[in-house]
Amino acid sequence: MDTTDPKALVRRGYDAASLHYDTAYGTETKYRSLLRDLGRRVPSGGAVLDIGCGSGVPVARTLVDAGYRVAGIDISEVQIRRARERVPQAEFIHVDATTATFDAASFDAVVSFYTLIHIPLAEQPPLLRRIAEWLRPGGWFVATTGSGAWTGVEEDWLGSGAPMWWSHADAATNREWITQAGLTVEQEDFVPEGGRRTCRVLVTSSLTVRV
């Protein structure tokens, strides 16, 4: 196994732990407040991109049930296969988020929960700039990021036998990257996750108007 390629570690880790992840992290309730806030900002019927969509439950499923048109992308082939089975009303694409391509102003909202923290630091600012381009004028980006700088590996993640890799900047750096991408931070909250992977929630709206 290649242990020098962080993206390979992330992909294999989620392939191996897909069946355990939802129960281990309580995902049925974990995102409820985030999705409720999004629902107050984006009218039903809007287009939403879920970056790091996982197995599609509960985020994509909740958005579909609320009347949104949902596309999800994920680096894990196993997660995408399960998402297609669990949420057939959405579109799911197996792709590395940093190489994904969408037309400008394609989405009313982009969500990214616990995904940026698995992307190499140098690739996060370019991805944020592309997310800003994918948003329609007045669109919303709802994401989780690290609150403290940390990069590391857990050798046996969730008892799957596969390692997992994380890398995130501190909150101030994340905020700087987001604003440099052309987005305005509208709301910022701490979400305790334990240890060094404690995350912040950043809710941002499109700063620039595109024709």
N, C-alpha and C. Protein backbone atom coordinates (compact mmCIF):
# COMPACT_ATOMS: atom_id res chain seq x y z
N MET A 1 0.84 -1.20 0.00
CA MET A 1 0.00 0.00 0.00
C MET A 1 0.87 1.25 0.00
N ASP A 2 0.51 2.23 -0.82
CA ASP A 2 1.25 3.48 -0.88
C ASP A 2 0.84 4.35 0.30
N THR A 3 1.78 4.58 1.21
CA THR A 3 1.49 5.41 2.38
C THR A 3 2.05 6.82 2.22
N THR A 4 2.58 7.13 1.05
CA THR A 4 3.13 8.46 0.82
C THR A 4 2.15 9.38 0.12
N ASP A 5 1.10 8.85 -0.47
CA ASP A 5 0.10 9.64 -1.19
C ASP A 5 -1.09 9.88 -0.27
N PRO A 6 -1.24 11.10 0.27
CA PRO A 6 -2.33 11.32 1.24
C PRO A 6 -3.71 11.09 0.65
N LYS A 7 -3.92 11.42 -0.61
CA LYS A 7 -5.23 11.22 -1.21
C LYS A 7 -5.56 9.73 -1.33
N ALA A 8 -4.54 8.92 -1.60
CA ALA A 8 -4.75 7.48 -1.66
C ALA A 8 -5.15 6.95 -0.28
N LEU A 9 -4.54 7.49 0.78
CA LEU A 9 -4.91 7.09 2.13
C LEU A 9 -6.37 7.44 2.42
N VAL A 10 -6.78 8.64 2.04
CA VAL A 10 -8.16 9.08 2.28
C VAL A 10 -9.13 8.20 1.51
N ARG A 11 -8.83 7.97 0.23
CA ARG A 11 -9.74 7.16 -0.60
C ARG A 11 -9.87 5.75 -0.04
N ARG A 12 -8.75 5.12 0.27
CA ARG A 12 -8.79 3.75 0.77
C ARG A 12 -9.41 3.69 2.16
N GLY A 13 -9.15 4.72 2.95
CA GLY A 13 -9.73 4.75 4.28
C GLY A 13 -11.25 4.78 4.25
N TYR A 14 -11.81 5.62 3.38
CA TYR A 14 -13.27 5.69 3.29
C TYR A 14 -13.85 4.47 2.57
N ASP A 15 -13.11 3.91 1.62
CA ASP A 15 -13.56 2.65 1.02
C ASP A 15 -13.70 1.58 2.09
N ALA A 16 -12.71 1.51 2.99
CA ALA A 16 -12.69 0.46 4.00
C ALA A 16 -13.69 0.71 5.12
N ALA A 17 -13.89 1.97 5.49
CA ALA A 17 -14.71 2.29 6.67
C ALA A 17 -16.12 2.76 6.32
N SER A 18 -16.51 2.69 5.07
CA SER A 18 -17.79 3.25 4.63
C SER A 18 -18.96 2.75 5.48
N LEU A 19 -19.00 1.45 5.73
CA LEU A 19 -20.13 0.88 6.46
C LEU A 19 -20.14 1.29 7.93
N HIS A 20 -18.97 1.66 8.48
CA HIS A 20 -18.88 1.99 9.90
C HIS A 20 -19.00 3.48 10.18
N TYR A 21 -18.74 4.29 9.17
CA TYR A 21 -18.61 5.73 9.40
C TYR A 21 -19.89 6.35 9.95
N ASP A 22 -21.03 6.04 9.35
CA ASP A 22 -22.28 6.69 9.72
C ASP A 22 -22.62 6.45 11.19
N THR A 23 -22.46 5.21 11.65
CA THR A 23 -22.81 4.92 13.04
C THR A 23 -21.75 5.46 13.99
N ALA A 24 -20.49 5.42 13.58
CA ALA A 24 -19.41 5.88 14.46
C ALA A 24 -19.50 7.36 14.75
N TYR A 25 -19.96 8.14 13.77
CA TYR A 25 -20.01 9.59 13.94
C TYR A 25 -21.42 10.14 14.10
N GLY A 26 -22.40 9.29 14.24
CA GLY A 26 -23.76 9.76 14.49
C GLY A 26 -24.28 10.69 13.42
N THR A 27 -24.06 10.33 12.16
CA THR A 27 -24.38 11.26 11.08
C THR A 27 -25.86 11.51 10.90
N GLU A 28 -26.72 10.66 11.42
CA GLU A 28 -28.15 10.90 11.27
C GLU A 28 -28.58 12.20 11.94
N THR A 29 -27.87 12.61 12.98
CA THR A 29 -28.23 13.83 13.71
C THR A 29 -27.15 14.90 13.63
N LYS A 30 -25.95 14.54 13.22
CA LYS A 30 -24.80 15.44 13.28
C LYS A 30 -24.98 16.72 12.47
N TYR A 31 -25.62 16.63 11.31
CA TYR A 31 -25.69 17.75 10.38
C TYR A 31 -27.04 18.48 10.43
N ARG A 32 -27.88 18.11 11.36
CA ARG A 32 -29.25 18.62 11.37
C ARG A 32 -29.30 20.15 11.43
N SER A 33 -28.55 20.76 12.34
CA SER A 33 -28.61 22.22 12.48
C SER A 33 -28.02 22.93 11.27
N LEU A 34 -26.96 22.36 10.69
CA LEU A 34 -26.36 22.95 9.49
C LEU A 34 -27.34 22.95 8.33
N LEU A 35 -28.01 21.83 8.14
CA LEU A 35 -28.96 21.74 7.03
C LEU A 35 -30.19 22.60 7.28
N ARG A 36 -30.59 22.74 8.53
CA ARG A 36 -31.72 23.61 8.87
C ARG A 36 -31.37 25.06 8.55
N ASP A 37 -30.15 25.48 8.88
CA ASP A 37 -29.72 26.84 8.56
C ASP A 37 -29.68 27.06 7.05
N LEU A 38 -29.20 26.06 6.32
CA LEU A 38 -29.14 26.18 4.86
C LEU A 38 -30.54 26.33 4.29
N GLY A 39 -31.49 25.57 4.84
CA GLY A 39 -32.86 25.63 4.36
C GLY A 39 -33.50 26.99 4.53
N ARG A 40 -33.04 27.75 5.54
CA ARG A 40 -33.58 29.09 5.75
C ARG A 40 -33.02 30.09 4.74
N ARG A 41 -31.91 29.73 4.12
CA ARG A 41 -31.24 30.66 3.21
C ARG A 41 -31.47 30.34 1.74
N VAL A 42 -31.65 29.08 1.41
CA VAL A 42 -31.77 28.67 0.01
C VAL A 42 -33.17 28.08 -0.22
N PRO A 43 -33.96 28.68 -1.08
CA PRO A 43 -35.32 28.19 -1.32
C PRO A 43 -35.32 26.77 -1.89
N SER A 44 -36.34 26.02 -1.56
CA SER A 44 -36.52 24.69 -2.12
C SER A 44 -36.53 24.77 -3.63
N GLY A 45 -35.95 23.78 -4.27
CA GLY A 45 -35.85 23.77 -5.72
C GLY A 45 -34.49 24.21 -6.22
N GLY A 46 -33.67 24.78 -5.34
CA GLY A 46 -32.34 25.23 -5.72
C GLY A 46 -31.40 24.05 -5.95
N ALA A 47 -30.28 24.34 -6.61
CA ALA A 47 -29.27 23.33 -6.90
C ALA A 47 -28.19 23.39 -5.84
N VAL A 48 -27.84 22.21 -5.27
CA VAL A 48 -26.85 22.13 -4.20
C VAL A 48 -25.79 21.10 -4.58
N LEU A 49 -24.53 21.47 -4.39
CA LEU A 49 -23.41 20.54 -4.58
C LEU A 49 -22.90 20.11 -3.22
N ASP A 50 -22.79 18.81 -3.01
CA ASP A 50 -22.28 18.25 -1.76
C ASP A 50 -20.88 17.70 -2.04
N ILE A 51 -19.86 18.41 -1.56
CA ILE A 51 -18.47 18.00 -1.76
C ILE A 51 -18.07 17.06 -0.62
N GLY A 52 -17.66 15.86 -0.98
CA GLY A 52 -17.38 14.85 0.02
C GLY A 52 -18.69 14.27 0.54
N CYS A 53 -19.52 13.83 -0.39
CA CYS A 53 -20.91 13.44 -0.07
C CYS A 53 -21.00 12.13 0.69
N GLY A 54 -19.93 11.35 0.74
CA GLY A 54 -19.99 10.08 1.44
C GLY A 54 -21.03 9.15 0.85
N SER A 55 -21.73 8.46 1.72
CA SER A 55 -22.73 7.48 1.28
C SER A 55 -24.08 8.11 0.99
N GLY A 56 -24.15 9.44 1.00
CA GLY A 56 -25.40 10.12 0.64
C GLY A 56 -26.38 10.34 1.77
N VAL A 57 -26.13 9.73 2.92
CA VAL A 57 -27.04 9.82 4.06
C VAL A 57 -26.26 10.35 5.26
N PRO A 58 -26.78 11.40 5.89
CA PRO A 58 -28.10 11.97 5.68
C PRO A 58 -28.14 13.21 4.80
N VAL A 59 -26.96 13.78 4.43
CA VAL A 59 -26.96 15.11 3.84
C VAL A 59 -27.71 15.15 2.51
N ALA A 60 -27.26 14.37 1.52
CA ALA A 60 -27.91 14.40 0.21
C ALA A 60 -29.37 13.98 0.31
N ARG A 61 -29.63 12.96 1.13
CA ARG A 61 -31.02 12.50 1.29
C ARG A 61 -31.90 13.59 1.88
N THR A 62 -31.40 14.28 2.89
CA THR A 62 -32.17 15.35 3.52
C THR A 62 -32.44 16.48 2.54
N LEU A 63 -31.43 16.84 1.75
CA LEU A 63 -31.59 17.91 0.78
C LEU A 63 -32.58 17.52 -0.31
N VAL A 64 -32.51 16.29 -0.79
CA VAL A 64 -33.47 15.81 -1.80
C VAL A 64 -34.88 15.84 -1.23
N ASP A 65 -35.04 15.35 -0.01
CA ASP A 65 -36.36 15.33 0.62
C ASP A 65 -36.92 16.73 0.81
N ALA A 66 -36.04 17.72 0.93
CA ALA A 66 -36.48 19.11 1.09
C ALA A 66 -36.75 19.79 -0.25
N GLY A 67 -36.57 19.07 -1.35
CA GLY A 67 -36.91 19.61 -2.66
C GLY A 67 -35.77 20.20 -3.44
N TYR A 68 -34.52 19.99 -2.97
CA TYR A 68 -33.37 20.52 -3.71
C TYR A 68 -32.92 19.56 -4.80
N ARG A 69 -32.28 20.11 -5.81
CA ARG A 69 -31.62 19.32 -6.85
C ARG A 69 -30.17 19.14 -6.41
N VAL A 70 -29.77 17.90 -6.19
CA VAL A 70 -28.52 17.62 -5.50
C VAL A 70 -27.54 16.87 -6.39
N ALA A 71 -26.31 17.34 -6.39
CA ALA A 71 -25.19 16.61 -6.97
C ALA A 71 -24.16 16.39 -5.87
N GLY A 72 -23.60 15.19 -5.82
CA GLY A 72 -22.60 14.88 -4.81
C GLY A 72 -21.33 14.34 -5.45
N ILE A 73 -20.19 14.71 -4.89
CA ILE A 73 -18.92 14.18 -5.38
C ILE A 73 -18.13 13.63 -4.20
N ASP A 74 -17.33 12.58 -4.47
CA ASP A 74 -16.54 11.97 -3.41
C ASP A 74 -15.38 11.21 -4.04
N ILE A 75 -14.27 11.16 -3.33
CA ILE A 75 -13.07 10.48 -3.81
C ILE A 75 -13.17 8.97 -3.64
N SER A 76 -14.09 8.51 -2.79
CA SER A 76 -14.24 7.08 -2.49
C SER A 76 -15.25 6.43 -3.43
N GLU A 77 -14.80 5.44 -4.16
CA GLU A 77 -15.69 4.73 -5.08
C GLU A 77 -16.77 3.97 -4.32
N VAL A 78 -16.41 3.42 -3.17
CA VAL A 78 -17.38 2.68 -2.36
C VAL A 78 -18.47 3.62 -1.85
N GLN A 79 -18.09 4.79 -1.37
CA GLN A 79 -19.07 5.75 -0.89
C GLN A 79 -20.01 6.19 -2.02
N ILE A 80 -19.48 6.44 -3.19
CA ILE A 80 -20.32 6.86 -4.31
C ILE A 80 -21.28 5.75 -4.71
N ARG A 81 -20.81 4.52 -4.74
CA ARG A 81 -21.69 3.41 -5.09
C ARG A 81 -22.83 3.29 -4.10
N ARG A 82 -22.54 3.43 -2.81
CA ARG A 82 -23.59 3.35 -1.80
C ARG A 82 -24.54 4.53 -1.90
N ALA A 83 -23.99 5.73 -2.19
CA ALA A 83 -24.84 6.92 -2.31
C ALA A 83 -25.84 6.75 -3.45
N ARG A 84 -25.39 6.22 -4.56
CA ARG A 84 -26.30 6.01 -5.70
C ARG A 84 -27.42 5.04 -5.35
N GLU A 85 -27.11 4.07 -4.51
CA GLU A 85 -28.13 3.10 -4.09
C GLU A 85 -29.09 3.71 -3.07
N ARG A 86 -28.58 4.53 -2.18
CA ARG A 86 -29.37 5.04 -1.07
C ARG A 86 -30.17 6.29 -1.43
N VAL A 87 -29.65 7.08 -2.36
CA VAL A 87 -30.34 8.33 -2.74
C VAL A 87 -30.39 8.40 -4.27
N PRO A 88 -31.22 7.58 -4.89
CA PRO A 88 -31.23 7.54 -6.36
C PRO A 88 -31.73 8.83 -7.02
N GLN A 89 -32.36 9.70 -6.25
CA GLN A 89 -32.88 10.95 -6.82
C GLN A 89 -31.78 11.98 -7.06
N ALA A 90 -30.61 11.78 -6.48
CA ALA A 90 -29.49 12.72 -6.64
C ALA A 90 -28.50 12.18 -7.67
N GLU A 91 -27.62 13.05 -8.12
CA GLU A 91 -26.55 12.66 -9.04
C GLU A 91 -25.24 12.59 -8.27
N PHE A 92 -24.54 11.47 -8.40
CA PHE A 92 -23.29 11.29 -7.67
C PHE A 92 -22.16 10.99 -8.65
N ILE A 93 -21.01 11.66 -8.42
CA ILE A 93 -19.88 11.56 -9.32
C ILE A 93 -18.64 11.15 -8.52
N HIS A 94 -17.97 10.11 -8.99
CA HIS A 94 -16.72 9.67 -8.35
C HIS A 94 -15.59 10.51 -8.88
N VAL A 95 -15.10 11.45 -8.07
CA VAL A 95 -14.05 12.37 -8.53
C VAL A 95 -13.37 12.99 -7.32
N ASP A 96 -12.10 13.30 -7.48
CA ASP A 96 -11.36 14.10 -6.51
C ASP A 96 -11.90 15.53 -6.58
N ALA A 97 -12.29 16.09 -5.47
CA ALA A 97 -12.90 17.43 -5.46
C ALA A 97 -11.97 18.47 -6.08
N THR A 98 -10.67 18.29 -5.95
CA THR A 98 -9.74 19.30 -6.47
C THR A 98 -9.60 19.25 -7.99
N THR A 99 -10.13 18.20 -8.62
CA THR A 99 -10.09 18.12 -10.08
C THR A 99 -11.48 18.17 -10.70
N ALA A 100 -12.51 18.30 -9.87
CA ALA A 100 -13.88 18.36 -10.39
C ALA A 100 -14.09 19.65 -11.19
N THR A 101 -14.93 19.57 -12.19
CA THR A 101 -15.24 20.74 -13.01
C THR A 101 -16.74 20.93 -13.12
N PHE A 102 -17.20 22.16 -12.94
CA PHE A 102 -18.60 22.53 -13.11
C PHE A 102 -18.64 23.90 -13.76
N ASP A 103 -19.71 24.19 -14.45
CA ASP A 103 -19.87 25.51 -15.05
C ASP A 103 -19.96 26.58 -13.97
N ALA A 104 -19.53 27.78 -14.31
CA ALA A 104 -19.67 28.90 -13.39
C ALA A 104 -21.14 29.14 -13.07
N ALA A 105 -21.40 29.56 -11.84
CA ALA A 105 -22.76 29.89 -11.39
C ALA A 105 -23.72 28.73 -11.57
N SER A 106 -23.28 27.53 -11.23
CA SER A 106 -24.11 26.33 -11.39
C SER A 106 -24.98 26.03 -10.18
N PHE A 107 -24.59 26.53 -9.00
CA PHE A 107 -25.23 26.07 -7.77
C PHE A 107 -25.69 27.25 -6.90
N ASP A 108 -26.82 27.04 -6.25
CA ASP A 108 -27.32 28.00 -5.26
C ASP A 108 -26.61 27.82 -3.93
N ALA A 109 -26.07 26.64 -3.70
CA ALA A 109 -25.33 26.38 -2.46
C ALA A 109 -24.33 25.25 -2.71
N VAL A 110 -23.24 25.32 -1.97
CA VAL A 110 -22.26 24.24 -1.93
C VAL A 110 -22.04 23.91 -0.46
N VAL A 111 -22.11 22.62 -0.13
CA VAL A 111 -21.84 22.18 1.24
C VAL A 111 -20.62 21.27 1.22
N SER A 112 -19.85 21.33 2.28
CA SER A 112 -18.64 20.51 2.39
C SER A 112 -18.40 20.21 3.86
N PHE A 113 -18.84 19.04 4.30
CA PHE A 113 -18.75 18.67 5.70
C PHE A 113 -17.63 17.65 5.91
N TYR A 114 -16.61 18.04 6.67
CA TYR A 114 -15.50 17.15 7.03
C TYR A 114 -14.80 16.60 5.78
N THR A 115 -14.62 17.47 4.80
CA THR A 115 -13.94 17.09 3.56
C THR A 115 -12.68 17.91 3.34
N LEU A 116 -12.77 19.23 3.53
CA LEU A 116 -11.58 20.06 3.37
C LEU A 116 -10.44 19.59 4.24
N ILE A 117 -10.74 19.02 5.39
CA ILE A 117 -9.70 18.57 6.32
C ILE A 117 -8.95 17.34 5.81
N HIS A 118 -9.40 16.75 4.70
CA HIS A 118 -8.70 15.62 4.09
C HIS A 118 -7.97 16.02 2.80
N ILE A 119 -7.89 17.30 2.53
CA ILE A 119 -7.28 17.78 1.28
C ILE A 119 -5.95 18.47 1.61
N PRO A 120 -4.88 18.18 0.87
CA PRO A 120 -3.60 18.84 1.13
C PRO A 120 -3.74 20.35 1.21
N LEU A 121 -3.02 20.96 2.13
CA LEU A 121 -3.18 22.39 2.39
C LEU A 121 -2.99 23.24 1.14
N ALA A 122 -2.00 22.91 0.32
CA ALA A 122 -1.73 23.72 -0.87
C ALA A 122 -2.87 23.69 -1.86
N GLU A 123 -3.72 22.66 -1.80
CA GLU A 123 -4.81 22.51 -2.75
C GLU A 123 -6.13 23.10 -2.25
N GLN A 124 -6.17 23.51 -0.99
CA GLN A 124 -7.41 24.04 -0.45
C GLN A 124 -7.76 25.43 -0.98
N PRO A 125 -6.83 26.41 -1.02
CA PRO A 125 -7.19 27.72 -1.57
C PRO A 125 -7.67 27.67 -3.01
N PRO A 126 -7.01 26.92 -3.92
CA PRO A 126 -7.54 26.85 -5.29
C PRO A 126 -8.93 26.24 -5.35
N LEU A 127 -9.20 25.23 -4.50
CA LEU A 127 -10.54 24.65 -4.48
C LEU A 127 -11.56 25.66 -4.00
N LEU A 128 -11.23 26.44 -2.99
CA LEU A 128 -12.16 27.46 -2.50
C LEU A 128 -12.47 28.49 -3.58
N ARG A 129 -11.47 28.85 -4.37
CA ARG A 129 -11.72 29.80 -5.46
C ARG A 129 -12.66 29.20 -6.50
N ARG A 130 -12.52 27.92 -6.76
CA ARG A 130 -13.40 27.28 -7.73
C ARG A 130 -14.82 27.15 -7.18
N ILE A 131 -14.94 26.89 -5.88
CA ILE A 131 -16.26 26.85 -5.25
C ILE A 131 -16.95 28.19 -5.41
N ALA A 132 -16.21 29.28 -5.19
CA ALA A 132 -16.79 30.62 -5.36
C ALA A 132 -17.29 30.82 -6.78
N GLU A 133 -16.58 30.29 -7.75
CA GLU A 133 -17.00 30.40 -9.14
C GLU A 133 -18.24 29.57 -9.42
N TRP A 134 -18.34 28.42 -8.78
CA TRP A 134 -19.49 27.54 -9.02
C TRP A 134 -20.78 28.10 -8.43
N LEU A 135 -20.65 28.99 -7.44
CA LEU A 135 -21.84 29.55 -6.80
C LEU A 135 -22.49 30.63 -7.67
N ARG A 136 -23.80 30.65 -7.65
CA ARG A 136 -24.55 31.73 -8.29
C ARG A 136 -24.47 32.98 -7.42
N PRO A 137 -24.72 34.16 -7.98
CA PRO A 137 -24.73 35.38 -7.16
C PRO A 137 -25.65 35.22 -5.95
N GLY A 138 -25.13 35.55 -4.79
CA GLY A 138 -25.91 35.39 -3.56
C GLY A 138 -25.94 33.97 -3.06
N GLY A 139 -25.16 33.07 -3.66
CA GLY A 139 -25.16 31.67 -3.22
C GLY A 139 -24.47 31.49 -1.87
N TRP A 140 -24.62 30.30 -1.31
CA TRP A 140 -24.10 30.03 0.04
C TRP A 140 -23.16 28.84 0.03
N PHE A 141 -22.08 28.98 0.80
CA PHE A 141 -21.14 27.89 1.02
C PHE A 141 -21.16 27.55 2.50
N VAL A 142 -21.50 26.33 2.84
CA VAL A 142 -21.57 25.88 4.23
C VAL A 142 -20.55 24.76 4.40
N ALA A 143 -19.59 24.95 5.30
CA ALA A 143 -18.50 23.99 5.38
C ALA A 143 -17.98 23.85 6.80
N THR A 144 -17.25 22.79 7.04
CA THR A 144 -16.50 22.60 8.27
C THR A 144 -15.02 22.63 7.93
N THR A 145 -14.24 23.25 8.80
CA THR A 145 -12.79 23.31 8.64
C THR A 145 -12.15 23.03 9.99
N GLY A 146 -10.84 22.87 10.01
CA GLY A 146 -10.15 22.71 11.28
C GLY A 146 -10.06 24.04 12.01
N SER A 147 -10.04 23.98 13.33
CA SER A 147 -9.86 25.20 14.13
C SER A 147 -8.41 25.39 14.54
N GLY A 148 -7.62 24.33 14.45
CA GLY A 148 -6.20 24.41 14.77
C GLY A 148 -5.39 23.69 13.71
N ALA A 149 -4.19 24.18 13.45
CA ALA A 149 -3.36 23.57 12.41
C ALA A 149 -2.89 22.19 12.86
N TRP A 150 -3.06 21.20 11.98
CA TRP A 150 -2.63 19.84 12.30
C TRP A 150 -2.62 18.99 11.05
N THR A 151 -1.60 18.17 10.91
CA THR A 151 -1.54 17.17 9.86
C THR A 151 -1.08 15.86 10.49
N GLY A 152 -1.78 14.78 10.18
CA GLY A 152 -1.40 13.51 10.79
C GLY A 152 -2.18 12.34 10.25
N VAL A 153 -1.80 11.15 10.71
CA VAL A 153 -2.39 9.89 10.25
C VAL A 153 -2.84 9.08 11.45
N GLU A 154 -4.01 8.47 11.34
CA GLU A 154 -4.46 7.46 12.29
C GLU A 154 -4.34 6.11 11.61
N GLU A 155 -3.56 5.22 12.18
CA GLU A 155 -3.17 4.00 11.47
C GLU A 155 -4.32 3.01 11.26
N ASP A 156 -5.20 2.89 12.25
CA ASP A 156 -6.32 1.93 12.14
C ASP A 156 -7.61 2.69 12.39
N TRP A 157 -8.06 3.40 11.38
CA TRP A 157 -9.20 4.31 11.52
C TRP A 157 -10.50 3.53 11.66
N LEU A 158 -11.22 3.80 12.74
CA LEU A 158 -12.52 3.18 13.03
C LEU A 158 -12.44 1.66 13.04
N GLY A 159 -11.26 1.13 13.32
CA GLY A 159 -11.10 -0.32 13.35
C GLY A 159 -11.23 -0.98 11.98
N SER A 160 -11.05 -0.18 10.92
CA SER A 160 -11.22 -0.69 9.56
C SER A 160 -9.98 -1.42 9.05
N GLY A 161 -8.86 -1.27 9.76
CA GLY A 161 -7.61 -1.84 9.30
C GLY A 161 -6.88 -0.95 8.31
N ALA A 162 -7.49 0.19 7.95
CA ALA A 162 -6.89 1.12 6.99
C ALA A 162 -6.56 2.42 7.70
N PRO A 163 -5.47 3.09 7.29
CA PRO A 163 -5.14 4.39 7.87
C PRO A 163 -6.00 5.50 7.30
N MET A 164 -6.05 6.62 8.02
CA MET A 164 -6.73 7.82 7.53
C MET A 164 -5.81 9.02 7.75
N TRP A 165 -5.90 9.97 6.83
CA TRP A 165 -5.01 11.14 6.84
C TRP A 165 -5.83 12.41 6.92
N TRP A 166 -5.35 13.36 7.75
CA TRP A 166 -5.98 14.67 7.89
C TRP A 166 -4.95 15.77 7.72
N SER A 167 -5.39 16.92 7.24
CA SER A 167 -4.52 18.09 7.22
C SER A 167 -5.39 19.35 7.17
N HIS A 168 -5.23 20.20 8.17
CA HIS A 168 -6.00 21.44 8.16
C HIS A 168 -5.21 22.58 8.79
N ALA A 169 -5.51 23.77 8.32
CA ALA A 169 -4.90 24.99 8.85
C ALA A 169 -5.67 25.45 10.08
N ASP A 170 -5.19 26.53 10.69
CA ASP A 170 -5.93 27.08 11.82
C ASP A 170 -7.09 27.94 11.34
N ALA A 171 -7.93 28.36 12.26
CA ALA A 171 -9.16 29.07 11.91
C ALA A 171 -8.87 30.37 11.17
N ALA A 172 -7.86 31.12 11.62
CA ALA A 172 -7.55 32.40 10.99
C ALA A 172 -7.11 32.21 9.54
N THR A 173 -6.32 31.19 9.30
CA THR A 173 -5.87 30.91 7.93
C THR A 173 -7.03 30.48 7.06
N ASN A 174 -7.89 29.63 7.58
CA ASN A 174 -9.08 29.22 6.82
C ASN A 174 -9.93 30.42 6.45
N ARG A 175 -10.10 31.31 7.41
CA ARG A 175 -10.91 32.51 7.16
C ARG A 175 -10.27 33.37 6.07
N GLU A 176 -8.95 33.50 6.12
CA GLU A 176 -8.24 34.28 5.11
C GLU A 176 -8.39 33.65 3.73
N TRP A 177 -8.24 32.34 3.65
CA TRP A 177 -8.39 31.65 2.35
C TRP A 177 -9.79 31.85 1.79
N ILE A 178 -10.79 31.78 2.65
CA ILE A 178 -12.17 31.91 2.20
C ILE A 178 -12.43 33.31 1.67
N THR A 179 -11.97 34.32 2.38
CA THR A 179 -12.21 35.69 1.92
C THR A 179 -11.40 35.99 0.66
N GLN A 180 -10.21 35.44 0.55
CA GLN A 180 -9.42 35.63 -0.65
C GLN A 180 -10.06 34.97 -1.87
N ALA A 181 -10.87 33.96 -1.63
CA ALA A 181 -11.57 33.28 -2.72
C ALA A 181 -12.75 34.10 -3.24
N GLY A 182 -13.09 35.19 -2.54
CA GLY A 182 -14.20 36.02 -2.97
C GLY A 182 -15.49 35.72 -2.24
N LEU A 183 -15.38 35.20 -1.03
CA LEU A 183 -16.53 34.85 -0.21
C LEU A 183 -16.49 35.66 1.08
N THR A 184 -17.66 35.92 1.63
CA THR A 184 -17.76 36.67 2.88
C THR A 184 -18.23 35.75 4.00
N VAL A 185 -17.52 35.75 5.10
CA VAL A 185 -17.91 34.93 6.25
C VAL A 185 -19.10 35.60 6.94
N GLU A 186 -20.22 34.92 6.97
CA GLU A 186 -21.44 35.46 7.59
C GLU A 186 -21.67 34.88 8.98
N GLN A 187 -21.20 33.67 9.23
CA GLN A 187 -21.43 33.03 10.53
C GLN A 187 -20.31 32.05 10.78
N GLU A 188 -19.83 32.00 12.01
CA GLU A 188 -18.71 31.13 12.36
C GLU A 188 -18.95 30.58 13.75
N ASP A 189 -18.93 29.27 13.88
CA ASP A 189 -19.22 28.63 15.16
C ASP A 189 -18.22 27.51 15.42
N PHE A 190 -17.98 27.23 16.70
CA PHE A 190 -17.17 26.08 17.07
C PHE A 190 -18.05 24.83 17.14
N VAL A 191 -17.54 23.75 16.60
CA VAL A 191 -18.22 22.46 16.70
C VAL A 191 -17.24 21.47 17.31
N PRO A 192 -17.38 21.12 18.59
CA PRO A 192 -16.40 20.23 19.23
C PRO A 192 -16.41 18.85 18.60
N GLU A 193 -15.22 18.40 18.21
CA GLU A 193 -15.06 17.07 17.64
C GLU A 193 -14.05 16.25 18.43
N GLY A 194 -13.40 16.88 19.38
CA GLY A 194 -12.44 16.17 20.20
C GLY A 194 -11.02 16.25 19.67
N GLY A 195 -10.08 16.40 20.57
CA GLY A 195 -8.67 16.39 20.21
C GLY A 195 -8.30 17.48 19.23
N ARG A 196 -7.36 17.17 18.38
CA ARG A 196 -6.82 18.16 17.45
C ARG A 196 -7.72 18.38 16.24
N ARG A 197 -8.75 17.55 16.09
CA ARG A 197 -9.58 17.67 14.91
C ARG A 197 -10.87 18.44 15.20
N THR A 198 -10.89 19.19 16.30
CA THR A 198 -12.02 20.08 16.56
C THR A 198 -12.21 21.01 15.37
N CYS A 199 -13.45 21.16 14.93
CA CYS A 199 -13.72 21.92 13.71
C CYS A 199 -14.56 23.15 13.99
N ARG A 200 -14.48 24.07 13.07
CA ARG A 200 -15.36 25.23 13.05
C ARG A 200 -16.33 25.08 11.89
N VAL A 201 -17.48 25.67 12.05
CA VAL A 201 -18.43 25.76 10.95
C VAL A 201 -18.33 27.17 10.37
N LEU A 202 -18.18 27.26 9.09
CA LEU A 202 -18.11 28.56 8.42
C LEU A 202 -19.24 28.65 7.42
N VAL A 203 -20.11 29.63 7.58
CA VAL A 203 -21.20 29.85 6.65
C VAL A 203 -20.87 31.11 5.86
N THR A 204 -20.73 31.00 4.58
CA THR A 204 -20.32 32.14 3.78
C THR A 204 -21.26 32.38 2.63
N SER A 205 -21.34 33.63 2.21
CA SER A 205 -22.17 33.96 1.05
C SER A 205 -21.30 34.56 -0.04
N SER A 206 -21.77 34.48 -1.25
CA SER A 206 -21.01 34.98 -2.38
C SER A 206 -20.79 36.48 -2.26
N LEU A 207 -19.55 36.89 -2.45
CA LEU A 207 -19.20 38.31 -2.31
C LEU A 207 -19.34 39.04 -3.64
N THR A 208 -18.98 38.38 -4.73
CA THR A 208 -18.98 39.05 -6.02
C THR A 208 -20.22 38.70 -6.82
N VAL A 209 -20.65 39.61 -7.62
CA VAL A 209 -21.81 39.39 -8.49
C VAL A 209 -21.29 39.02 -9.88
N ARG A 210 -21.78 37.91 -10.39
CA ARG A 210 -21.34 37.45 -11.69
C ARG A 210 -22.48 37.55 -12.68
N VAL A 211 -22.16 37.91 -13.89
CA VAL A 211 -23.18 38.05 -14.92
C VAL A 211 -23.34 36.73 -15.65
